[in-house]
Amino acid sequence: MFAYVQLQAWIQSRIEDERGASLVEYALLLALLAMVCIAAVTALGETTSASFSEAVSELG
């Protein structure tokens, strides 16, 4: 009976432990942030490159 109570307490503590879930949430948030940053750099990179090319052609 004591082993059953210990096993039940151990399983219950694993179910209620949300550290793993929060780690997954942070990883997903980080991945989303990385995708947004890559998209922004890609979009702004083309615009910035065109602006610099224009400025260089006007200078000489």
N, C-alpha and C. Protein backbone atom coordinates (compact mmCIF):
# COMPACT_ATOMS: atom_id res chain seq x y z
N MET A 1 0.83 -1.19 0.00
CA MET A 1 0.00 0.00 0.00
C MET A 1 0.87 1.26 0.00
N PHE A 2 1.96 1.24 0.79
CA PHE A 2 2.84 2.40 0.85
C PHE A 2 3.49 2.69 -0.49
N ALA A 3 3.88 1.64 -1.22
CA ALA A 3 4.50 1.81 -2.53
C ALA A 3 3.51 2.43 -3.50
N TYR A 4 2.23 2.04 -3.41
CA TYR A 4 1.21 2.61 -4.27
C TYR A 4 1.04 4.10 -4.00
N VAL A 5 1.06 4.48 -2.74
CA VAL A 5 0.91 5.90 -2.38
C VAL A 5 2.11 6.69 -2.88
N GLN A 6 3.29 6.13 -2.75
CA GLN A 6 4.49 6.79 -3.25
C GLN A 6 4.44 6.93 -4.77
N LEU A 7 4.04 5.89 -5.47
CA LEU A 7 3.94 5.92 -6.92
C LEU A 7 2.90 6.95 -7.35
N GLN A 8 1.78 6.99 -6.65
CA GLN A 8 0.74 7.96 -6.99
C GLN A 8 1.25 9.39 -6.77
N ALA A 9 1.95 9.63 -5.70
CA ALA A 9 2.49 10.96 -5.42
C ALA A 9 3.53 11.35 -6.46
N TRP A 10 4.36 10.39 -6.88
CA TRP A 10 5.38 10.68 -7.90
C TRP A 10 4.74 11.02 -9.24
N ILE A 11 3.73 10.23 -9.63
CA ILE A 11 3.04 10.49 -10.91
C ILE A 11 2.32 11.84 -10.85
N GLN A 12 1.67 12.12 -9.74
CA GLN A 12 0.96 13.40 -9.60
C GLN A 12 1.93 14.58 -9.67
N SER A 13 3.10 14.45 -9.09
CA SER A 13 4.07 15.54 -9.14
C SER A 13 4.57 15.75 -10.57
N ARG A 14 4.69 14.69 -11.34
CA ARG A 14 5.12 14.81 -12.74
C ARG A 14 4.04 15.46 -13.60
N ILE A 15 2.79 15.16 -13.32
CA ILE A 15 1.70 15.73 -14.09
C ILE A 15 1.56 17.22 -13.80
N GLU A 16 1.72 17.60 -12.56
CA GLU A 16 1.55 18.99 -12.17
C GLU A 16 2.78 19.85 -12.47
N ASP A 17 3.89 19.23 -12.83
CA ASP A 17 5.11 19.96 -13.12
C ASP A 17 4.99 20.60 -14.49
N GLU A 18 5.00 21.92 -14.56
CA GLU A 18 4.81 22.63 -15.82
C GLU A 18 6.11 23.23 -16.34
N ARG A 19 7.24 22.85 -15.79
CA ARG A 19 8.50 23.40 -16.27
C ARG A 19 8.77 23.01 -17.71
N GLY A 20 8.46 21.78 -18.07
CA GLY A 20 8.66 21.34 -19.44
C GLY A 20 7.77 22.08 -20.40
N ALA A 21 6.52 22.32 -19.99
CA ALA A 21 5.58 23.04 -20.86
C ALA A 21 6.03 24.47 -21.07
N SER A 22 6.50 25.11 -20.03
CA SER A 22 6.93 26.50 -20.19
C SER A 22 8.20 26.58 -21.04
N LEU A 23 9.04 25.57 -20.96
CA LEU A 23 10.23 25.53 -21.80
C LEU A 23 9.85 25.43 -23.28
N VAL A 24 8.86 24.62 -23.57
CA VAL A 24 8.38 24.48 -24.95
C VAL A 24 7.77 25.80 -25.41
N GLU A 25 7.01 26.46 -24.55
CA GLU A 25 6.41 27.74 -24.91
C GLU A 25 7.49 28.78 -25.21
N TYR A 26 8.53 28.83 -24.41
CA TYR A 26 9.62 29.77 -24.65
C TYR A 26 10.35 29.45 -25.96
N ALA A 27 10.53 28.17 -26.25
CA ALA A 27 11.20 27.77 -27.49
C ALA A 27 10.36 28.17 -28.70
N LEU A 28 9.04 27.99 -28.62
CA LEU A 28 8.17 28.40 -29.72
C LEU A 28 8.17 29.91 -29.89
N LEU A 29 8.17 30.62 -28.78
CA LEU A 29 8.21 32.08 -28.85
C LEU A 29 9.52 32.56 -29.47
N LEU A 30 10.62 31.94 -29.10
CA LEU A 30 11.92 32.28 -29.66
C LEU A 30 11.97 31.99 -31.16
N ALA A 31 11.40 30.87 -31.57
CA ALA A 31 11.37 30.53 -32.99
C ALA A 31 10.53 31.54 -33.78
N LEU A 32 9.40 31.94 -33.22
CA LEU A 32 8.56 32.94 -33.88
C LEU A 32 9.28 34.27 -33.99
N LEU A 33 9.95 34.66 -32.93
CA LEU A 33 10.71 35.91 -32.94
C LEU A 33 11.83 35.86 -33.98
N ALA A 34 12.50 34.74 -34.10
CA ALA A 34 13.56 34.59 -35.09
C ALA A 34 13.00 34.70 -36.50
N MET A 35 11.82 34.10 -36.74
CA MET A 35 11.21 34.19 -38.07
C MET A 35 10.83 35.62 -38.40
N VAL A 36 10.31 36.36 -37.43
CA VAL A 36 9.95 37.76 -37.66
C VAL A 36 11.19 38.59 -37.95
N CYS A 37 12.25 38.35 -37.21
CA CYS A 37 13.50 39.09 -37.45
C CYS A 37 14.08 38.79 -38.83
N ILE A 38 14.06 37.54 -39.23
CA ILE A 38 14.58 37.17 -40.55
C ILE A 38 13.74 37.82 -41.64
N ALA A 39 12.43 37.82 -41.48
CA ALA A 39 11.55 38.44 -42.47
C ALA A 39 11.80 39.95 -42.54
N ALA A 40 11.97 40.59 -41.39
CA ALA A 40 12.22 42.03 -41.37
C ALA A 40 13.56 42.37 -42.01
N VAL A 41 14.59 41.61 -41.71
CA VAL A 41 15.91 41.87 -42.30
C VAL A 41 15.87 41.64 -43.81
N THR A 42 15.15 40.62 -44.24
CA THR A 42 15.03 40.35 -45.67
C THR A 42 14.31 41.50 -46.37
N ALA A 43 13.20 41.95 -45.81
CA ALA A 43 12.43 43.03 -46.43
C ALA A 43 13.20 44.35 -46.40
N LEU A 44 13.79 44.66 -45.27
CA LEU A 44 14.52 45.92 -45.15
C LEU A 44 15.85 45.87 -45.90
N GLY A 45 16.42 44.70 -46.02
CA GLY A 45 17.68 44.55 -46.73
C GLY A 45 17.56 44.93 -48.20
N GLU A 46 16.49 44.50 -48.83
CA GLU A 46 16.28 44.83 -50.24
C GLU A 46 16.05 46.32 -50.41
N THR A 47 15.26 46.93 -49.54
CA THR A 47 14.99 48.36 -49.61
C THR A 47 16.26 49.17 -49.36
N THR A 48 17.01 48.76 -48.36
CA THR A 48 18.25 49.46 -48.02
C THR A 48 19.27 49.33 -49.14
N SER A 49 19.37 48.16 -49.72
CA SER A 49 20.30 47.95 -50.82
C SER A 49 19.95 48.83 -52.01
N ALA A 50 18.67 48.93 -52.31
CA ALA A 50 18.24 49.79 -53.41
C ALA A 50 18.55 51.25 -53.12
N SER A 51 18.34 51.67 -51.88
CA SER A 51 18.63 53.07 -51.49
C SER A 51 20.11 53.38 -51.60
N PHE A 52 20.97 52.46 -51.14
CA PHE A 52 22.41 52.68 -51.23
C PHE A 52 22.87 52.70 -52.69
N SER A 53 22.31 51.83 -53.48
CA SER A 53 22.67 51.80 -54.91
C SER A 53 22.30 53.11 -55.58
N GLU A 54 21.14 53.65 -55.23
CA GLU A 54 20.69 54.92 -55.77
C GLU A 54 21.63 56.05 -55.35
N ALA A 55 22.01 56.06 -54.08
CA ALA A 55 22.88 57.10 -53.56
C ALA A 55 24.26 57.03 -54.22
N VAL A 56 24.77 55.83 -54.42
CA VAL A 56 26.08 55.67 -55.04
C VAL A 56 26.04 56.12 -56.50
N SER A 57 24.98 55.81 -57.21
CA SER A 57 24.89 56.21 -58.61
C SER A 57 24.75 57.73 -58.75
N GLU A 58 24.12 58.38 -57.77
CA GLU A 58 24.00 59.83 -57.82
C GLU A 58 25.32 60.52 -57.49
N LEU A 59 26.13 59.89 -56.64
CA LEU A 59 27.41 60.48 -56.26
C LEU A 59 28.45 60.39 -57.38
N GLY A 60 28.37 59.41 -58.14
CA GLY A 60 29.42 59.36 -59.13
C GLY A 60 29.31 58.21 -59.99
